PDB file of N, CA and C in Angstrom:
ATOM      1  N   LEU A   1       0.829  -1.196   0.000  1.00  0.00           N
ATOM      2  CA  LEU A   1       0.000   0.000   0.000  1.00  0.00           C
ATOM      3  C   LEU A   1       0.874   1.261   0.000  1.00  0.00           C
ATOM      4  N   LEU A   2       1.975   1.213   0.721  1.00  0.00           N
ATOM      5  CA  LEU A   2       2.876   2.366   0.741  1.00  0.00           C
ATOM      6  C   LEU A   2       3.380   2.693  -0.663  1.00  0.00           C
ATOM      7  N   THR A   3       3.708   1.664  -1.423  1.00  0.00           N
ATOM      8  CA  THR A   3       4.169   1.874  -2.799  1.00  0.00           C
ATOM      9  C   THR A   3       3.103   2.589  -3.610  1.00  0.00           C
ATOM     10  N   ARG A   4       1.862   2.172  -3.489  1.00  0.00           N
ATOM     11  CA  ARG A   4       0.771   2.804  -4.236  1.00  0.00           C
ATOM     12  C   ARG A   4       0.582   4.260  -3.826  1.00  0.00           C
ATOM     13  N   TRP A   5       0.725   4.566  -2.544  1.00  0.00           N
ATOM     14  CA  TRP A   5       0.614   5.964  -2.106  1.00  0.00           C
ATOM     15  C   TRP A   5       1.693   6.822  -2.750  1.00  0.00           C
ATOM     16  N   PHE A   6       2.899   6.293  -2.815  1.00  0.00           N
ATOM     17  CA  PHE A   6       3.974   7.045  -3.462  1.00  0.00           C
ATOM     18  C   PHE A   6       3.707   7.201  -4.949  1.00  0.00           C
ATOM     19  N   GLN A   7       3.246   6.146  -5.603  1.00  0.00           N
ATOM     20  CA  GLN A   7       2.948   6.232  -7.029  1.00  0.00           C
ATOM     21  C   GLN A   7       1.832   7.235  -7.294  1.00  0.00           C
ATOM     22  N   PHE A   8       0.828   7.281  -6.448  1.00  0.00           N
ATOM     23  CA  PHE A   8      -0.232   8.287  -6.570  1.00  0.00           C
ATOM     24  C   PHE A   8       0.333   9.686  -6.329  1.00  0.00           C
ATOM     25  N   GLY A   9       1.175   9.813  -5.328  1.00  0.00           N
ATOM     26  CA  GLY A   9       1.739  11.106  -4.970  1.00  0.00           C
ATOM     27  C   GLY A   9       2.549  11.758  -6.073  1.00  0.00           C
ATOM     28  N   VAL A  10       3.112  10.953  -6.962  1.00  0.00           N
ATOM     29  CA  VAL A  10       3.873  11.490  -8.088  1.00  0.00           C
ATOM     30  C   VAL A  10       3.036  12.489  -8.873  1.00  0.00           C
ATOM     31  N   PHE A  11       1.744  12.229  -9.005  1.00  0.00           N
ATOM     32  CA  PHE A  11       0.867  13.029  -9.861  1.00  0.00           C
ATOM     33  C   PHE A  11       0.029  14.037  -9.090  1.00  0.00           C
ATOM     34  N   THR A  12       0.349  14.255  -7.840  1.00  0.00           N
ATOM     35  CA  THR A  12      -0.364  15.253  -7.053  1.00  0.00           C
ATOM     36  C   THR A  12       0.548  16.450  -6.812  1.00  0.00           C
ATOM     37  N   PRO A  13      -0.025  17.619  -6.607  1.00  0.00           N
ATOM     38  CA  PRO A  13       0.799  18.822  -6.431  1.00  0.00           C
ATOM     39  C   PRO A  13       1.781  18.740  -5.269  1.00  0.00           C
ATOM     40  N   ILE A  14       1.352  18.179  -4.167  1.00  0.00           N
ATOM     41  CA  ILE A  14       2.220  18.082  -2.995  1.00  0.00           C
ATOM     42  C   ILE A  14       2.501  16.607  -2.753  1.00  0.00           C
ATOM     43  N   PHE A  15       3.726  16.217  -2.951  1.00  0.00           N
ATOM     44  CA  PHE A  15       4.145  14.815  -2.915  1.00  0.00           C
ATOM     45  C   PHE A  15       4.467  14.416  -1.486  1.00  0.00           C
ATOM     46  N   ARG A  16       3.506  13.819  -0.812  1.00  0.00           N
ATOM     47  CA  ARG A  16       3.763  13.355   0.549  1.00  0.00           C
ATOM     48  C   ARG A  16       2.882  12.161   0.859  1.00  0.00           C
ATOM     49  N   VAL A  17       3.270  11.436   1.873  1.00  0.00           N
ATOM     50  CA  VAL A  17       2.567  10.225   2.273  1.00  0.00           C
ATOM     51  C   VAL A  17       1.938  10.462   3.630  1.00  0.00           C
ATOM     52  N   HIS A  18       0.712  10.027   3.781  1.00  0.00           N
ATOM     53  CA  HIS A  18       0.030  10.138   5.062  1.00  0.00           C
ATOM     54  C   HIS A  18      -0.183   8.749   5.638  1.00  0.00           C
ATOM     55  N   GLY A  19      -0.265   8.678   6.919  1.00  0.00           N
ATOM     56  CA  GLY A  19      -0.527   7.416   7.576  1.00  0.00           C
ATOM     57  C   GLY A  19      -1.149   7.648   8.925  1.00  0.00           C
ATOM     58  N   THR A  20      -1.570   6.566   9.545  1.00  0.00           N
ATOM     59  CA  THR A  20      -2.202   6.678  10.859  1.00  0.00           C
ATOM     60  C   THR A  20      -1.182   6.704  11.981  1.00  0.00           C
ATOM     61  N   ASN A  21       0.060   6.366  11.655  1.00  0.00           N
ATOM     62  CA  ASN A  21       1.107   6.447  12.669  1.00  0.00           C
ATOM     63  C   ASN A  21       2.318   7.137  12.052  1.00  0.00           C
ATOM     64  N   GLY A  22       3.365   7.283  12.785  1.00  0.00           N
ATOM     65  CA  GLY A  22       4.519   8.030  12.317  1.00  0.00           C
ATOM     66  C   GLY A  22       5.530   7.219  11.533  1.00  0.00           C
ATOM     67  N   ASN A  23       5.220   5.989  11.199  1.00  0.00           N
ATOM     68  CA  ASN A  23       6.193   5.123  10.535  1.00  0.00           C
ATOM     69  C   ASN A  23       5.961   5.033   9.033  1.00  0.00           C
ATOM     70  N   THR A  24       5.926   6.158   8.359  1.00  0.00           N
ATOM     71  CA  THR A  24       5.731   6.136   6.907  1.00  0.00           C
ATOM     72  C   THR A  24       7.015   6.462   6.150  1.00  0.00           C
ATOM     73  N   GLU A  25       8.141   6.482   6.826  1.00  0.00           N
ATOM     74  CA  GLU A  25       9.410   6.711   6.158  1.00  0.00           C
ATOM     75  C   GLU A  25       9.788   5.458   5.360  1.00  0.00           C
ATOM     76  N   LEU A  26      10.405   5.677   4.224  1.00  0.00           N
ATOM     77  CA  LEU A  26      10.737   4.552   3.342  1.00  0.00           C
ATOM     78  C   LEU A  26      11.561   3.472   4.029  1.00  0.00           C
ATOM     79  N   TRP A  27      12.551   3.879   4.809  1.00  0.00           N
ATOM     80  CA  TRP A  27      13.450   2.902   5.416  1.00  0.00           C
ATOM     81  C   TRP A  27      12.762   2.013   6.445  1.00  0.00           C
ATOM     82  N   GLU A  28      11.575   2.373   6.861  1.00  0.00           N
ATOM     83  CA  GLU A  28      10.828   1.540   7.809  1.00  0.00           C
ATOM     84  C   GLU A  28      10.266   0.278   7.146  1.00  0.00           C
ATOM     85  N   PHE A  29      10.285   0.203   5.815  1.00  0.00           N
ATOM     86  CA  PHE A  29       9.642  -0.901   5.105  1.00  0.00           C
ATOM     87  C   PHE A  29      10.624  -1.820   4.400  1.00  0.00           C
ATOM     88  N   GLY A  30      11.906  -1.648   4.649  1.00  0.00           N
ATOM     89  CA  GLY A  30      12.906  -2.549   4.102  1.00  0.00           C
ATOM     90  C   GLY A  30      13.499  -2.078   2.788  1.00  0.00           C
ATOM     91  N   ALA A  31      14.658  -2.644   2.481  1.00  0.00           N
ATOM     92  CA  ALA A  31      15.419  -2.213   1.307  1.00  0.00           C
ATOM     93  C   ALA A  31      14.697  -2.506  -0.004  1.00  0.00           C
ATOM     94  N   GLN A  32      14.026  -3.635  -0.109  1.00  0.00           N
ATOM     95  CA  GLN A  32      13.354  -3.994  -1.354  1.00  0.00           C
ATOM     96  C   GLN A  32      12.205  -3.026  -1.648  1.00  0.00           C
ATOM     97  N   THR A  33      11.388  -2.712  -0.658  1.00  0.00           N
ATOM     98  CA  THR A  33      10.292  -1.763  -0.837  1.00  0.00           C
ATOM     99  C   THR A  33      10.836  -0.382  -1.155  1.00  0.00           C
ATOM    100  N   GLN A  34      11.862   0.021  -0.451  1.00  0.00           N
ATOM    101  CA  GLN A  34      12.477   1.331  -0.702  1.00  0.00           C
ATOM    102  C   GLN A  34      12.989   1.416  -2.133  1.00  0.00           C
ATOM    103  N   ARG A  35      13.674   0.397  -2.592  1.00  0.00           N
ATOM    104  CA  ARG A  35      14.212   0.383  -3.949  1.00  0.00           C
ATOM    105  C   ARG A  35      13.077   0.445  -4.982  1.00  0.00           C
ATOM    106  N   HIS A  36      12.007  -0.306  -4.753  1.00  0.00           N
ATOM    107  CA  HIS A  36      10.872  -0.311  -5.680  1.00  0.00           C
ATOM    108  C   HIS A  36      10.204   1.064  -5.757  1.00  0.00           C
ATOM    109  N   ILE A  37      10.022   1.710  -4.626  1.00  0.00           N
ATOM    110  CA  ILE A  37       9.402   3.038  -4.607  1.00  0.00           C
ATOM    111  C   ILE A  37      10.289   4.064  -5.302  1.00  0.00           C
ATOM    112  N   VAL A  38      11.577   4.000  -5.048  1.00  0.00           N
ATOM    113  CA  VAL A  38      12.498   4.940  -5.694  1.00  0.00           C
ATOM    114  C   VAL A  38      12.456   4.743  -7.206  1.00  0.00           C
ATOM    115  N   GLN A  39      12.466   3.503  -7.651  1.00  0.00           N
ATOM    116  CA  GLN A  39      12.493   3.226  -9.082  1.00  0.00           C
ATOM    117  C   GLN A  39      11.162   3.525  -9.766  1.00  0.00           C
ATOM    118  N   SER A  40      10.047   3.258  -9.096  1.00  0.00           N
ATOM    119  CA  SER A  40       8.752   3.397  -9.759  1.00  0.00           C
ATOM    120  C   SER A  40       8.090   4.753  -9.559  1.00  0.00           C
ATOM    121  N   ALA A  41       8.493   5.508  -8.561  1.00  0.00           N
ATOM    122  CA  ALA A  41       7.761   6.740  -8.265  1.00  0.00           C
ATOM    123  C   ALA A  41       8.675   7.960  -8.139  1.00  0.00           C
ATOM    124  N   ILE A  42       9.646   7.890  -7.300  1.00  0.00           N
ATOM    125  CA  ILE A  42      10.439   9.084  -6.994  1.00  0.00           C
ATOM    126  C   ILE A  42      11.233   9.559  -8.211  1.00  0.00           C
ATOM    127  N   ARG A  43      11.803   8.650  -8.956  1.00  0.00           N
ATOM    128  CA  ARG A  43      12.537   9.074 -10.162  1.00  0.00           C
ATOM    129  C   ARG A  43      11.617   9.741 -11.165  1.00  0.00           C
ATOM    130  N   LEU A  44      10.408   9.218 -11.335  1.00  0.00           N
ATOM    131  CA  LEU A  44       9.434   9.845 -12.228  1.00  0.00           C
ATOM    132  C   LEU A  44       9.066  11.231 -11.724  1.00  0.00           C
ATOM    133  N   ARG A  45       8.872  11.367 -10.432  1.00  0.00           N
ATOM    134  CA  ARG A  45       8.547  12.676  -9.860  1.00  0.00           C
ATOM    135  C   ARG A  45       9.620  13.714 -10.214  1.00  0.00           C
ATOM    136  N   TYR A  46      10.875  13.351 -10.079  1.00  0.00           N
ATOM    137  CA  TYR A  46      11.953  14.291 -10.400  1.00  0.00           C
ATOM    138  C   TYR A  46      11.978  14.630 -11.891  1.00  0.00           C
ATOM    139  N   ARG A  47      11.634  13.685 -12.748  1.00  0.00           N
ATOM    140  CA  ARG A  47      11.564  13.983 -14.180  1.00  0.00           C
ATOM    141  C   ARG A  47      10.411  14.927 -14.492  1.00  0.00           C
ATOM    142  N   LEU A  48       9.356  14.895 -13.697  1.00  0.00           N
ATOM    143  CA  LEU A  48       8.188  15.753 -13.915  1.00  0.00           C
ATOM    144  C   LEU A  48       8.312  17.131 -13.269  1.00  0.00           C
ATOM    145  N   LEU A  49       9.351  17.370 -12.491  1.00  0.00           N
ATOM    146  CA  LEU A  49       9.462  18.637 -11.763  1.00  0.00           C
ATOM    147  C   LEU A  49       9.358  19.889 -12.637  1.00  0.00           C
ATOM    148  N   PRO A  50       9.969  19.953 -13.817  1.00  0.00           N
ATOM    149  CA  PRO A  50       9.783  21.167 -14.630  1.00  0.00           C
ATOM    150  C   PRO A  50       8.308  21.423 -14.945  1.00  0.00           C
ATOM    151  N   TYR A  51       7.569  20.387 -15.274  1.00  0.00           N
ATOM    152  CA  TYR A  51       6.136  20.512 -15.543  1.00  0.00           C
ATOM    153  C   TYR A  51       5.383  20.958 -14.285  1.00  0.00           C
ATOM    154  N   ILE A  52       5.713  20.349 -13.160  1.00  0.00           N
ATOM    155  CA  ILE A  52       5.039  20.667 -11.898  1.00  0.00           C
ATOM    156  C   ILE A  52       5.304  22.114 -11.498  1.00  0.00           C
ATOM    157  N   TYR A  53       6.572  22.551 -11.589  1.00  0.00           N
ATOM    158  CA  TYR A  53       6.897  23.935 -11.242  1.00  0.00           C
ATOM    159  C   TYR A  53       6.216  24.919 -12.179  1.00  0.00           C
ATOM    160  N   SER A  54       6.139  24.575 -13.460  1.00  0.00           N
ATOM    161  CA  SER A  54       5.425  25.435 -14.407  1.00  0.00           C
ATOM    162  C   SER A  54       3.951  25.532 -14.038  1.00  0.00           C
ATOM    163  N   GLY A  55       3.388  24.413 -13.616  1.00  0.00           N
ATOM    164  CA  GLY A  55       1.990  24.413 -13.184  1.00  0.00           C
ATOM    165  C   GLY A  55       1.764  25.275 -11.962  1.00  0.00           C
ATOM    166  N   PHE A  56       2.657  25.190 -10.994  1.00  0.00           N
ATOM    167  CA  PHE A  56       2.529  26.029  -9.805  1.00  0.00           C
ATOM    168  C   PHE A  56       2.665  27.512 -10.144  1.00  0.00           C
ATOM    169  N   HIS A  57       3.556  27.825 -11.090  1.00  0.00           N
ATOM    170  CA  HIS A  57       3.691  29.219 -11.509  1.00  0.00           C
ATOM    171  C   HIS A  57       2.379  29.698 -12.137  1.00  0.00           C
ATOM    172  N   ARG A  58       1.792  28.851 -12.969  1.00  0.00           N
ATOM    173  CA  ARG A  58       0.531  29.234 -13.608  1.00  0.00           C
ATOM    174  C   ARG A  58      -0.575  29.437 -12.572  1.00  0.00           C
ATOM    175  N   VAL A  59      -0.589  28.606 -11.548  1.00  0.00           N
ATOM    176  CA  VAL A  59      -1.568  28.782 -10.461  1.00  0.00           C
ATOM    177  C   VAL A  59      -1.384  30.138  -9.803  1.00  0.00           C
ATOM    178  N   ALA A  60      -0.135  30.483  -9.480  1.00  0.00           N
ATOM    179  CA  ALA A  60       0.148  31.740  -8.789  1.00  0.00           C
ATOM    180  C   ALA A  60      -0.085  32.952  -9.686  1.00  0.00           C
ATOM    181  N   ALA A  61       0.308  32.868 -10.943  1.00  0.00           N
ATOM    182  CA  ALA A  61       0.247  34.025 -11.833  1.00  0.00           C
ATOM    183  C   ALA A  61      -1.126  34.240 -12.461  1.00  0.00           C
ATOM    184  N   GLU A  62      -1.836  33.142 -12.751  1.00  0.00           N
ATOM    185  CA  GLU A  62      -3.077  33.245 -13.510  1.00  0.00           C
ATOM    186  C   GLU A  62      -4.312  32.762 -12.769  1.00  0.00           C
ATOM    187  N   GLY A  63      -4.127  32.230 -11.565  1.00  0.00           N
ATOM    188  CA  GLY A  63      -5.269  31.690 -10.836  1.00  0.00           C
ATOM    189  C   GLY A  63      -5.767  30.368 -11.397  1.00  0.00           C
ATOM    190  N   TYR A  64      -4.911  29.668 -12.126  1.00  0.00           N
ATOM    191  CA  TYR A  64      -5.250  28.373 -12.721  1.00  0.00           C
ATOM    192  C   TYR A  64      -5.355  27.324 -11.619  1.00  0.00           C
ATOM    193  N   THR A  65      -5.743  26.120 -11.936  1.00  0.00           N
ATOM    194  CA  THR A  65      -5.806  25.042 -10.953  1.00  0.00           C
ATOM    195  C   THR A  65      -4.720  24.022 -11.251  1.00  0.00           C
ATOM    196  N   MET A  66      -4.111  23.501 -10.214  1.00  0.00           N
ATOM    197  CA  MET A  66      -3.050  22.521 -10.410  1.00  0.00           C
ATOM    198  C   MET A  66      -3.614  21.166 -10.795  1.00  0.00           C
ATOM    199  N   GLN A  67      -4.697  20.778 -10.187  1.00  0.00           N
ATOM    200  CA  GLN A  67      -5.386  19.547 -10.555  1.00  0.00           C
ATOM    201  C   GLN A  67      -6.777  19.937 -11.007  1.00  0.00           C
ATOM    202  N   ARG A  68      -7.209  19.379 -12.109  1.00  0.00           N
ATOM    203  CA  ARG A  68      -8.527  19.736 -12.616  1.00  0.00           C
ATOM    204  C   ARG A  68      -9.137  18.560 -13.350  1.00  0.00           C
ATOM    205  N   ALA A  69     -10.434  18.518 -13.360  1.00  0.00           N
ATOM    206  CA  ALA A  69     -11.158  17.478 -14.073  1.00  0.00           C
ATOM    207  C   ALA A  69     -10.986  17.658 -15.575  1.00  0.00           C
ATOM    208  N   LEU A  70     -10.967  16.576 -16.305  1.00  0.00           N
ATOM    209  CA  LEU A  70     -10.850  16.645 -17.755  1.00  0.00           C
ATOM    210  C   LEU A  70     -11.960  17.481 -18.373  1.00  0.00           C
ATOM    211  N   ALA A  71     -13.138  17.451 -17.777  1.00  0.00           N
ATOM    212  CA  ALA A  71     -14.275  18.197 -18.313  1.00  0.00           C
ATOM    213  C   ALA A  71     -14.021  19.705 -18.312  1.00  0.00           C
ATOM    214  N   PHE A  72     -13.132  20.196 -17.463  1.00  0.00           N
ATOM    215  CA  PHE A  72     -12.794  21.628 -17.474  1.00  0.00           C
ATOM    216  C   PHE A  72     -12.153  22.026 -18.798  1.00  0.00           C
ATOM    217  N   ASP A  73     -11.291  21.157 -19.313  1.00  0.00           N
ATOM    218  CA  ASP A  73     -10.571  21.457 -20.541  1.00  0.00           C
ATOM    219  C   ASP A  73     -11.248  20.907 -21.796  1.00  0.00           C
ATOM    220  N   PHE A  74     -12.138  19.946 -21.612  1.00  0.00           N
ATOM    221  CA  PHE A  74     -12.841  19.337 -22.750  1.00  0.00           C
ATOM    222  C   PHE A  74     -14.338  19.277 -22.461  1.00  0.00           C
ATOM    223  N   PRO A  75     -14.996  20.423 -22.342  1.00  0.00           N
ATOM    224  CA  PRO A  75     -16.411  20.438 -21.942  1.00  0.00           C
ATOM    225  C   PRO A  75     -17.348  19.771 -22.954  1.00  0.00           C
ATOM    226  N   GLU A  76     -16.925  19.685 -24.212  1.00  0.00           N
ATOM    227  CA  GLU A  76     -17.787  19.083 -25.224  1.00  0.00           C
ATOM    228  C   GLU A  76     -17.724  17.557 -25.224  1.00  0.00           C
ATOM    229  N   SER A  77     -16.796  16.984 -24.485  1.00  0.00           N
ATOM    230  CA  SER A  77     -16.585  15.543 -24.481  1.00  0.00           C
ATOM    231  C   SER A  77     -17.413  14.855 -23.394  1.00  0.00           C
ATOM    232  N   ALA A  78     -18.344  14.027 -23.811  1.00  0.00           N
ATOM    233  CA  ALA A  78     -19.140  13.252 -22.850  1.00  0.00           C
ATOM    234  C   ALA A  78     -18.246  12.307 -22.071  1.00  0.00           C
ATOM    235  N   ARG A  79     -17.253  11.751 -22.741  1.00  0.00           N
ATOM    236  CA  ARG A  79     -16.336  10.819 -22.079  1.00  0.00           C
ATOM    237  C   ARG A  79     -15.544  11.509 -20.961  1.00  0.00           C
ATOM    238  N   ALA A  80     -15.129  12.744 -21.185  1.00  0.00           N
ATOM    239  CA  ALA A  80     -14.390  13.490 -20.170  1.00  0.00           C
ATOM    240  C   ALA A  80     -15.269  13.764 -18.962  1.00  0.00           C
ATOM    241  N   ARG A  81     -16.553  13.927 -19.173  1.00  0.00           N
ATOM    242  CA  ARG A  81     -17.470  14.203 -18.054  1.00  0.00           C
ATOM    243  C   ARG A  81     -17.802  12.952 -17.253  1.00  0.00           C
ATOM    244  N   THR A  82     -17.668  11.779 -17.839  1.00  0.00           N
ATOM    245  CA  THR A  82     -18.074  10.547 -17.154  1.00  0.00           C
ATOM    246  C   THR A  82     -16.910   9.661 -16.735  1.00  0.00           C
ATOM    247  N   THR A  83     -15.702  10.062 -17.058  1.00  0.00           N
ATOM    248  CA  THR A  83     -14.523   9.227 -16.712  1.00  0.00           C
ATOM    249  C   THR A  83     -14.003   9.597 -15.353  1.00  0.00           C
TER     250      THR A  83
END
């Protein structure tokens, strides 16, 4: 589940993991889990940083939204409204 939270976090504006206790640090879950998360999520996040920073700038400068429903950008698409 921790791996999935990290993979989801890659695509959210603020990349962080939440849990019910304080043991959500990568090293608490062993070397294999840590390696998998780094390879599947964290490296992708760093590759996306230019896009993410550009998005945050647009939010600050233009009042845009960082995360938005597809229907906002494709209002004529029935599929965008129902997906």
